[in-house]
N, C-alpha and C. Protein backbone atom coordinates (compact mmCIF):
# COMPACT_ATOMS: atom_id res chain seq x y z
N MET A 1 0.81 -1.19 0.00
CA MET A 1 0.00 0.00 0.00
C MET A 1 0.86 1.26 0.00
N LYS A 2 1.94 1.25 0.78
CA LYS A 2 2.81 2.41 0.81
C LYS A 2 3.47 2.64 -0.54
N ILE A 3 3.82 1.54 -1.21
CA ILE A 3 4.44 1.67 -2.53
C ILE A 3 3.44 2.26 -3.51
N TRP A 4 2.17 1.81 -3.45
CA TRP A 4 1.14 2.32 -4.36
C TRP A 4 0.95 3.83 -4.14
N ASN A 5 0.89 4.27 -2.92
CA ASN A 5 0.76 5.71 -2.62
C ASN A 5 1.96 6.48 -3.16
N PHE A 6 3.14 5.87 -3.03
CA PHE A 6 4.35 6.52 -3.52
C PHE A 6 4.30 6.65 -5.05
N VAL A 7 3.88 5.58 -5.75
CA VAL A 7 3.79 5.61 -7.21
C VAL A 7 2.74 6.63 -7.65
N MET A 8 1.60 6.68 -7.00
CA MET A 8 0.54 7.62 -7.34
C MET A 8 1.00 9.07 -7.09
N ALA A 9 1.73 9.27 -6.03
CA ALA A 9 2.22 10.62 -5.72
C ALA A 9 3.17 11.12 -6.79
N LEU A 10 3.91 10.21 -7.43
CA LEU A 10 4.83 10.59 -8.49
C LEU A 10 4.13 10.76 -9.84
N THR A 11 3.15 9.95 -10.15
CA THR A 11 2.56 9.96 -11.50
C THR A 11 1.46 11.00 -11.68
N VAL A 12 0.70 11.34 -10.66
CA VAL A 12 -0.38 12.31 -10.80
C VAL A 12 0.14 13.67 -11.26
N PRO A 13 1.21 14.21 -10.66
CA PRO A 13 1.73 15.48 -11.18
C PRO A 13 2.21 15.40 -12.62
N LEU A 14 2.74 14.24 -13.04
CA LEU A 14 3.19 14.09 -14.42
C LEU A 14 2.03 14.17 -15.39
N PHE A 15 0.92 13.47 -15.06
CA PHE A 15 -0.24 13.51 -15.93
C PHE A 15 -0.88 14.89 -15.95
N ALA A 16 -0.91 15.54 -14.81
CA ALA A 16 -1.50 16.87 -14.73
C ALA A 16 -0.71 17.87 -15.58
N SER A 17 0.61 17.80 -15.54
CA SER A 17 1.40 18.73 -16.33
C SER A 17 1.37 18.38 -17.81
N ALA A 18 1.22 17.12 -18.14
CA ALA A 18 1.14 16.72 -19.55
C ALA A 18 -0.13 17.24 -20.21
N SER A 19 -1.22 17.36 -19.45
CA SER A 19 -2.46 17.85 -20.05
C SER A 19 -2.39 19.33 -20.40
N HIS A 20 -1.47 20.09 -19.80
CA HIS A 20 -1.32 21.52 -20.09
C HIS A 20 -0.06 21.80 -20.91
N ALA A 21 0.57 20.75 -21.43
CA ALA A 21 1.85 20.94 -22.13
C ALA A 21 1.71 21.81 -23.38
N GLY A 22 0.59 21.74 -24.11
CA GLY A 22 0.43 22.50 -25.34
C GLY A 22 0.00 23.94 -25.11
N GLU A 23 -0.39 24.28 -23.89
CA GLU A 23 -0.85 25.63 -23.60
C GLU A 23 0.32 26.51 -23.22
N SER A 24 0.25 27.77 -23.61
CA SER A 24 1.30 28.70 -23.20
C SER A 24 0.75 29.62 -22.13
N ALA A 25 1.64 30.10 -21.32
CA ALA A 25 1.25 31.02 -20.26
C ALA A 25 0.87 32.36 -20.89
N PRO A 26 -0.05 33.09 -20.28
CA PRO A 26 -0.38 34.41 -20.83
C PRO A 26 0.87 35.29 -20.85
N ALA A 27 1.02 36.06 -21.91
CA ALA A 27 2.22 36.88 -22.06
C ALA A 27 1.86 38.36 -21.99
N ILE A 28 2.82 39.14 -21.60
CA ILE A 28 2.69 40.59 -21.59
C ILE A 28 3.69 41.13 -22.59
N ALA A 29 3.19 41.84 -23.60
CA ALA A 29 4.07 42.39 -24.61
C ALA A 29 4.90 43.52 -24.00
N GLY A 30 6.16 43.55 -24.37
CA GLY A 30 7.01 44.61 -23.85
C GLY A 30 8.45 44.41 -24.26
N PHE A 31 9.34 45.08 -23.56
CA PHE A 31 10.76 45.05 -23.88
C PHE A 31 11.55 44.75 -22.62
N LEU A 32 12.48 43.81 -22.70
CA LEU A 32 13.33 43.44 -21.59
C LEU A 32 14.73 43.95 -21.87
N ASN A 33 15.25 44.79 -20.99
CA ASN A 33 16.61 45.28 -21.12
C ASN A 33 17.53 44.22 -20.54
N PRO A 34 18.33 43.53 -21.39
CA PRO A 34 19.16 42.44 -20.88
C PRO A 34 20.26 42.90 -19.94
N GLN A 35 20.66 44.15 -20.03
CA GLN A 35 21.73 44.64 -19.16
C GLN A 35 21.24 44.92 -17.75
N THR A 36 20.05 45.51 -17.64
CA THR A 36 19.55 45.87 -16.32
C THR A 36 18.51 44.88 -15.80
N GLY A 37 17.93 44.07 -16.70
CA GLY A 37 16.87 43.15 -16.30
C GLY A 37 15.53 43.84 -16.14
N ALA A 38 15.46 45.14 -16.49
CA ALA A 38 14.21 45.89 -16.36
C ALA A 38 13.26 45.56 -17.51
N PHE A 39 12.01 45.31 -17.17
CA PHE A 39 10.98 45.02 -18.17
C PHE A 39 10.07 46.23 -18.29
N THR A 40 9.84 46.68 -19.52
CA THR A 40 8.95 47.81 -19.78
C THR A 40 7.79 47.30 -20.61
N PRO A 41 6.58 47.28 -20.05
CA PRO A 41 5.44 46.80 -20.85
C PRO A 41 5.14 47.76 -22.00
N ARG A 42 4.77 47.18 -23.15
CA ARG A 42 4.40 47.98 -24.32
C ARG A 42 2.97 48.44 -24.16
N LEU A 43 2.73 49.69 -24.55
CA LEU A 43 1.37 50.21 -24.48
C LEU A 43 0.49 49.48 -25.48
N ALA A 44 -0.69 49.14 -25.07
CA ALA A 44 -1.62 48.47 -25.98
C ALA A 44 -2.35 49.54 -26.79
N LEU A 45 -2.22 49.46 -28.11
CA LEU A 45 -2.93 50.38 -28.99
C LEU A 45 -4.28 49.78 -29.32
N THR A 46 -5.29 50.54 -29.16
CA THR A 46 -6.63 50.07 -29.47
C THR A 46 -6.99 50.51 -30.87
N PRO A 47 -7.13 49.56 -31.80
CA PRO A 47 -7.48 49.97 -33.15
C PRO A 47 -8.86 50.62 -33.19
N ALA A 48 -9.04 51.47 -34.17
CA ALA A 48 -10.33 52.11 -34.36
C ALA A 48 -11.39 51.04 -34.59
N ALA A 49 -12.58 51.33 -34.17
CA ALA A 49 -13.66 50.36 -34.31
C ALA A 49 -13.86 49.97 -35.77
N ALA A 50 -13.81 50.93 -36.65
CA ALA A 50 -13.97 50.67 -38.07
C ALA A 50 -12.95 51.54 -38.81
N PRO A 51 -11.77 50.97 -39.12
CA PRO A 51 -10.76 51.79 -39.78
C PRO A 51 -11.23 52.27 -41.15
N VAL A 52 -10.70 53.40 -41.54
CA VAL A 52 -11.03 53.99 -42.83
C VAL A 52 -9.88 53.72 -43.78
N ALA A 53 -10.16 53.16 -44.93
CA ALA A 53 -9.11 52.90 -45.93
C ALA A 53 -8.84 54.20 -46.70
N ALA A 54 -7.58 54.57 -46.75
CA ALA A 54 -7.18 55.76 -47.51
C ALA A 54 -6.23 55.30 -48.60
N ALA A 55 -6.69 55.30 -49.83
CA ALA A 55 -5.88 54.91 -50.97
C ALA A 55 -5.95 56.06 -51.98
N ALA A 56 -4.93 56.89 -51.96
CA ALA A 56 -4.96 58.09 -52.78
C ALA A 56 -3.54 58.46 -53.19
N THR A 57 -3.41 59.59 -53.83
CA THR A 57 -2.10 60.11 -54.26
C THR A 57 -2.03 61.58 -53.87
N LEU A 58 -0.88 61.97 -53.33
CA LEU A 58 -0.63 63.36 -53.04
C LEU A 58 0.38 63.86 -54.06
N THR A 59 0.05 64.91 -54.79
CA THR A 59 0.93 65.48 -55.81
C THR A 59 1.25 66.91 -55.42
N VAL A 60 2.55 67.18 -55.28
CA VAL A 60 3.00 68.53 -54.92
C VAL A 60 3.85 69.07 -56.05
N THR A 61 3.48 70.25 -56.53
CA THR A 61 4.27 70.93 -57.56
C THR A 61 5.07 72.04 -56.88
N PHE A 62 6.38 71.96 -57.03
CA PHE A 62 7.29 72.93 -56.44
C PHE A 62 7.62 74.01 -57.46
N THR A 63 7.62 75.25 -57.04
CA THR A 63 8.22 76.34 -57.81
C THR A 63 9.41 76.77 -56.98
N VAL A 64 10.59 76.75 -57.59
CA VAL A 64 11.82 77.06 -56.86
C VAL A 64 12.42 78.34 -57.43
N LYS A 65 12.61 79.32 -56.57
CA LYS A 65 13.30 80.55 -56.97
C LYS A 65 14.77 80.36 -56.66
N ILE A 66 15.61 80.48 -57.69
CA ILE A 66 17.03 80.15 -57.56
C ILE A 66 17.87 81.42 -57.49
N ASN A 67 18.69 81.53 -56.45
CA ASN A 67 19.58 82.66 -56.25
C ASN A 67 20.64 82.67 -57.36
N SER A 68 21.00 83.84 -57.81
CA SER A 68 21.97 83.95 -58.91
C SER A 68 23.36 83.46 -58.54
N SER A 69 23.67 83.32 -57.25
CA SER A 69 24.99 82.84 -56.85
C SER A 69 25.14 81.32 -57.01
N ILE A 70 24.05 80.62 -57.25
CA ILE A 70 24.11 79.17 -57.44
C ILE A 70 24.46 78.90 -58.90
N PRO A 71 25.54 78.15 -59.14
CA PRO A 71 25.93 77.85 -60.53
C PRO A 71 24.81 77.14 -61.28
N ARG A 72 24.63 77.52 -62.51
CA ARG A 72 23.54 76.97 -63.35
C ARG A 72 23.61 75.46 -63.48
N ALA A 73 24.84 74.90 -63.50
CA ALA A 73 24.99 73.45 -63.70
C ALA A 73 24.83 72.65 -62.40
N GLN A 74 24.71 73.33 -61.28
CA GLN A 74 24.63 72.61 -60.00
C GLN A 74 23.25 71.96 -59.86
N PRO A 75 23.23 70.65 -59.58
CA PRO A 75 21.95 69.96 -59.44
C PRO A 75 21.16 70.45 -58.22
N ILE A 76 19.86 70.50 -58.40
CA ILE A 76 18.94 70.87 -57.32
C ILE A 76 17.89 69.77 -57.24
N THR A 77 17.58 69.36 -56.01
CA THR A 77 16.55 68.33 -55.84
C THR A 77 15.41 68.87 -54.99
N CYS A 78 14.24 68.33 -55.22
CA CYS A 78 13.10 68.64 -54.37
C CYS A 78 12.72 67.35 -53.66
N ALA A 79 12.27 67.47 -52.43
CA ALA A 79 11.91 66.30 -51.63
C ALA A 79 10.59 66.56 -50.92
N LEU A 80 9.86 65.50 -50.70
CA LEU A 80 8.56 65.60 -50.05
C LEU A 80 8.44 64.51 -49.01
N ASN A 81 8.11 64.90 -47.79
CA ASN A 81 7.84 63.94 -46.71
C ASN A 81 6.39 64.12 -46.30
N ILE A 82 5.66 63.00 -46.24
CA ILE A 82 4.28 63.07 -45.75
C ILE A 82 4.17 62.09 -44.58
N SER A 83 3.32 62.43 -43.63
CA SER A 83 3.14 61.56 -42.48
C SER A 83 1.76 61.77 -41.89
N SER A 84 1.36 60.78 -41.12
CA SER A 84 0.10 60.86 -40.39
C SER A 84 0.29 60.10 -39.08
N TYR A 85 -0.10 60.72 -37.99
CA TYR A 85 0.06 60.11 -36.68
C TYR A 85 -1.28 60.02 -35.99
N ASP A 86 -1.61 58.83 -35.55
CA ASP A 86 -2.86 58.60 -34.86
C ASP A 86 -2.58 57.68 -33.68
N ALA A 87 -2.63 58.21 -32.48
CA ALA A 87 -2.26 57.44 -31.29
C ALA A 87 -3.13 56.21 -31.08
N SER A 88 -4.34 56.21 -31.59
CA SER A 88 -5.22 55.07 -31.36
C SER A 88 -5.16 54.02 -32.46
N PHE A 89 -4.44 54.28 -33.56
CA PHE A 89 -4.45 53.28 -34.62
C PHE A 89 -3.06 53.00 -35.18
N ALA A 90 -2.51 53.86 -35.98
CA ALA A 90 -1.22 53.59 -36.61
C ALA A 90 -0.53 54.89 -37.00
N ASN A 91 0.75 54.79 -37.29
CA ASN A 91 1.54 55.94 -37.74
C ASN A 91 2.11 55.60 -39.11
N TYR A 92 2.08 56.56 -40.01
CA TYR A 92 2.59 56.34 -41.36
C TYR A 92 3.52 57.48 -41.74
N ALA A 93 4.51 57.17 -42.55
CA ALA A 93 5.40 58.20 -43.09
C ALA A 93 6.00 57.67 -44.39
N THR A 94 6.17 58.54 -45.35
CA THR A 94 6.82 58.17 -46.60
C THR A 94 7.43 59.42 -47.22
N ALA A 95 8.38 59.21 -48.12
CA ALA A 95 9.07 60.35 -48.73
C ALA A 95 9.49 59.99 -50.14
N ASP A 96 9.75 61.02 -50.93
CA ASP A 96 10.24 60.84 -52.30
C ASP A 96 10.96 62.11 -52.72
N SER A 97 11.82 62.01 -53.72
CA SER A 97 12.52 63.21 -54.21
C SER A 97 12.80 63.09 -55.70
N TYR A 98 12.98 64.25 -56.34
CA TYR A 98 13.23 64.32 -57.78
C TYR A 98 14.19 65.47 -58.06
N VAL A 99 14.69 65.52 -59.27
CA VAL A 99 15.58 66.60 -59.70
C VAL A 99 14.72 67.76 -60.21
N VAL A 100 15.12 68.97 -59.83
CA VAL A 100 14.41 70.17 -60.27
C VAL A 100 14.85 70.51 -61.69
N LYS A 101 13.90 70.79 -62.56
CA LYS A 101 14.19 71.28 -63.91
C LYS A 101 14.26 72.79 -63.80
N SER A 102 15.44 73.34 -64.10
CA SER A 102 15.59 74.77 -63.83
C SER A 102 16.10 75.56 -65.02
N SER A 103 15.79 76.84 -64.95
CA SER A 103 16.35 77.82 -65.87
C SER A 103 17.28 78.68 -65.03
N ALA A 104 17.61 79.86 -65.46
CA ALA A 104 18.55 80.72 -64.73
C ALA A 104 18.07 81.12 -63.35
N SER A 105 16.81 81.46 -63.19
CA SER A 105 16.37 82.00 -61.91
C SER A 105 15.21 81.25 -61.26
N ALA A 106 14.69 80.22 -61.91
CA ALA A 106 13.56 79.48 -61.35
C ALA A 106 13.59 78.04 -61.83
N GLY A 107 12.88 77.21 -61.11
CA GLY A 107 12.79 75.81 -61.50
C GLY A 107 11.48 75.23 -61.03
N THR A 108 11.15 74.06 -61.56
CA THR A 108 9.93 73.37 -61.16
C THR A 108 10.23 71.90 -60.92
N CYS A 109 9.40 71.32 -60.12
CA CYS A 109 9.53 69.89 -59.81
C CYS A 109 8.17 69.42 -59.34
N THR A 110 7.78 68.23 -59.74
CA THR A 110 6.51 67.66 -59.28
C THR A 110 6.80 66.30 -58.64
N VAL A 111 6.31 66.13 -57.43
CA VAL A 111 6.48 64.87 -56.69
C VAL A 111 5.10 64.31 -56.42
N SER A 112 4.88 63.06 -56.83
CA SER A 112 3.61 62.38 -56.55
C SER A 112 3.90 61.17 -55.67
N ILE A 113 3.20 61.07 -54.56
CA ILE A 113 3.37 59.94 -53.65
C ILE A 113 2.03 59.23 -53.49
N PRO A 114 1.91 58.03 -54.05
CA PRO A 114 0.70 57.24 -53.79
C PRO A 114 0.82 56.57 -52.42
N TYR A 115 -0.29 56.37 -51.75
CA TYR A 115 -0.25 55.71 -50.44
C TYR A 115 -1.52 54.91 -50.23
N ILE A 116 -1.39 53.88 -49.42
CA ILE A 116 -2.53 53.07 -48.99
C ILE A 116 -2.36 52.94 -47.48
N TRP A 117 -3.20 53.64 -46.74
CA TRP A 117 -3.12 53.65 -45.28
C TRP A 117 -4.47 53.29 -44.71
N GLN A 118 -4.46 52.75 -43.50
CA GLN A 118 -5.69 52.58 -42.74
C GLN A 118 -5.64 53.60 -41.62
N ILE A 119 -6.61 54.47 -41.58
CA ILE A 119 -6.64 55.53 -40.58
C ILE A 119 -7.85 55.36 -39.68
N ALA A 120 -7.80 56.00 -38.52
CA ALA A 120 -8.87 55.84 -37.54
C ALA A 120 -10.19 56.45 -38.01
N THR A 121 -10.13 57.69 -38.49
CA THR A 121 -11.34 58.39 -38.93
C THR A 121 -10.98 59.30 -40.10
N THR A 122 -11.98 59.84 -40.72
CA THR A 122 -11.73 60.78 -41.81
C THR A 122 -11.20 62.11 -41.29
N ALA A 123 -11.20 62.31 -39.98
CA ALA A 123 -10.64 63.53 -39.39
C ALA A 123 -9.12 63.41 -39.15
N THR A 124 -8.56 62.22 -39.34
CA THR A 124 -7.12 62.04 -39.17
C THR A 124 -6.39 62.97 -40.14
N THR A 125 -5.36 63.65 -39.67
CA THR A 125 -4.68 64.64 -40.51
C THR A 125 -3.36 64.13 -41.06
N MET A 126 -2.96 64.77 -42.15
CA MET A 126 -1.70 64.48 -42.82
C MET A 126 -0.78 65.68 -42.64
N ASN A 127 0.49 65.40 -42.42
CA ASN A 127 1.50 66.44 -42.32
C ASN A 127 2.33 66.41 -43.60
N LEU A 128 2.66 67.59 -44.10
CA LEU A 128 3.37 67.71 -45.37
C LEU A 128 4.59 68.60 -45.16
N HIS A 129 5.77 68.08 -45.52
CA HIS A 129 7.02 68.83 -45.37
C HIS A 129 7.79 68.81 -46.68
N PRO A 130 7.62 69.86 -47.52
CA PRO A 130 8.37 69.94 -48.77
C PRO A 130 9.72 70.63 -48.54
N GLY A 131 10.70 70.28 -49.36
CA GLY A 131 12.00 70.93 -49.27
C GLY A 131 12.76 70.85 -50.58
N VAL A 132 13.68 71.76 -50.77
CA VAL A 132 14.57 71.75 -51.93
C VAL A 132 15.99 71.97 -51.44
N SER A 133 16.95 71.43 -52.17
CA SER A 133 18.35 71.65 -51.79
C SER A 133 19.25 71.46 -53.01
N THR A 134 20.40 72.10 -52.92
CA THR A 134 21.42 71.87 -53.94
C THR A 134 22.20 70.65 -53.49
N THR A 135 22.82 69.97 -54.44
CA THR A 135 23.68 68.85 -54.08
C THR A 135 25.12 69.36 -54.08
N PHE A 136 25.97 68.69 -53.33
CA PHE A 136 27.37 69.12 -53.28
C PHE A 136 28.01 68.86 -54.64
N ALA A 137 28.66 69.86 -55.16
CA ALA A 137 29.38 69.75 -56.44
C ALA A 137 30.64 70.59 -56.33
N ALA A 138 31.64 70.19 -57.07
CA ALA A 138 32.91 70.93 -57.04
C ALA A 138 32.65 72.38 -57.40
N GLY A 139 33.06 73.30 -56.54
CA GLY A 139 32.89 74.72 -56.81
C GLY A 139 31.49 75.23 -56.59
N GLY A 140 30.58 74.38 -56.19
CA GLY A 140 29.20 74.80 -56.00
C GLY A 140 28.90 75.20 -54.57
N LEU A 141 27.72 75.68 -54.36
CA LEU A 141 27.26 76.08 -53.03
C LEU A 141 26.24 75.06 -52.55
N TYR A 142 26.19 74.87 -51.23
CA TYR A 142 25.13 74.03 -50.69
C TYR A 142 24.10 74.94 -50.04
N ARG A 143 22.89 74.82 -50.48
CA ARG A 143 21.78 75.57 -49.89
C ARG A 143 20.58 74.65 -49.78
N SER A 144 19.74 74.95 -48.82
CA SER A 144 18.50 74.18 -48.70
C SER A 144 17.40 75.08 -48.17
N SER A 145 16.19 74.70 -48.44
CA SER A 145 15.03 75.44 -47.98
C SER A 145 13.90 74.44 -47.78
N SER A 146 13.15 74.59 -46.71
CA SER A 146 12.03 73.69 -46.46
C SER A 146 10.88 74.46 -45.84
N ALA A 147 9.76 73.82 -45.77
CA ALA A 147 8.57 74.46 -45.22
C ALA A 147 7.69 73.39 -44.59
N SER A 148 6.73 73.83 -43.83
CA SER A 148 5.69 72.95 -43.30
C SER A 148 4.37 73.50 -43.76
N VAL A 149 3.53 72.64 -44.23
CA VAL A 149 2.19 73.02 -44.68
C VAL A 149 1.24 72.66 -43.54
N ALA A 150 0.27 73.50 -43.29
CA ALA A 150 -0.71 73.24 -42.23
C ALA A 150 -1.33 71.85 -42.43
N PRO A 151 -1.45 71.05 -41.36
CA PRO A 151 -2.05 69.72 -41.48
C PRO A 151 -3.45 69.81 -42.08
N PHE A 152 -3.80 68.78 -42.83
CA PHE A 152 -5.12 68.72 -43.47
C PHE A 152 -5.61 67.28 -43.40
N PRO A 153 -6.92 67.05 -43.51
CA PRO A 153 -7.44 65.68 -43.44
C PRO A 153 -6.81 64.79 -44.52
N VAL A 154 -6.49 63.56 -44.16
CA VAL A 154 -5.89 62.62 -45.10
C VAL A 154 -6.87 62.36 -46.24
N PRO A 155 -6.46 62.64 -47.49
CA PRO A 155 -7.34 62.30 -48.62
C PRO A 155 -7.53 60.78 -48.68
N THR A 156 -8.75 60.33 -48.81
CA THR A 156 -9.01 58.89 -48.82
C THR A 156 -9.13 58.30 -50.22
N THR A 157 -9.38 59.14 -51.24
CA THR A 157 -9.45 58.66 -52.62
C THR A 157 -8.93 59.75 -53.55
N GLY A 158 -8.63 59.38 -54.76
CA GLY A 158 -8.26 60.35 -55.79
C GLY A 158 -6.87 60.93 -55.60
N THR A 159 -6.68 62.12 -56.16
CA THR A 159 -5.40 62.81 -56.10
C THR A 159 -5.61 64.20 -55.53
N LYS A 160 -4.86 64.53 -54.50
CA LYS A 160 -4.88 65.89 -53.95
C LYS A 160 -3.66 66.60 -54.48
N LYS A 161 -3.87 67.79 -55.05
CA LYS A 161 -2.77 68.57 -55.63
C LYS A 161 -2.52 69.80 -54.77
N ILE A 162 -1.23 70.04 -54.52
CA ILE A 162 -0.81 71.19 -53.71
C ILE A 162 0.36 71.85 -54.43
N ALA A 163 0.41 73.17 -54.38
CA ALA A 163 1.53 73.91 -54.97
C ALA A 163 2.28 74.61 -53.85
N VAL A 164 3.61 74.56 -53.89
CA VAL A 164 4.43 75.27 -52.92
C VAL A 164 5.53 76.05 -53.66
N THR A 165 5.96 77.15 -53.06
CA THR A 165 7.04 77.95 -53.61
C THR A 165 8.13 78.06 -52.54
N LEU A 166 9.35 77.73 -52.92
CA LEU A 166 10.50 77.81 -52.02
C LEU A 166 11.62 78.55 -52.73
N ALA A 167 12.50 79.15 -51.98
CA ALA A 167 13.61 79.90 -52.56
C ALA A 167 14.92 79.35 -52.05
N LEU A 168 15.91 79.32 -52.95
CA LEU A 168 17.29 78.92 -52.59
C LEU A 168 18.19 80.12 -52.68
């Protein structure tokens, strides 16, 4: 009888743990600093109840006023950064750049950025940061100019066109 109790005392915990072998313990998402052993839980983002699909194109036409001290042969580029931040859903950012077609005192450039984002609501705003700069060239000057455009609701369809003027 004592041997039977001893065998049962050993086997019951084995069977009990085997029945939970495929289950994982609940986890807390976060970051563990291996140097300090400190664990920082990640904030849980709550997605919007019904996300809004935004599939559109933003087209910005740059007019660049070029200072006469910049050599005519020096390349000039225009760049566009767009972003949208929504604490309850997602953050997006993208950028593109092109070469400015210029004459002696002015130039133009058009940048089109297509995007497909899921945003929380149609009130979610887009940030637009256009800029132009010269590239480094032997004997040339380096100049840059940028601007911020007031945030506006993220276009959800079609093409939104914006014109900006910057000076170098």
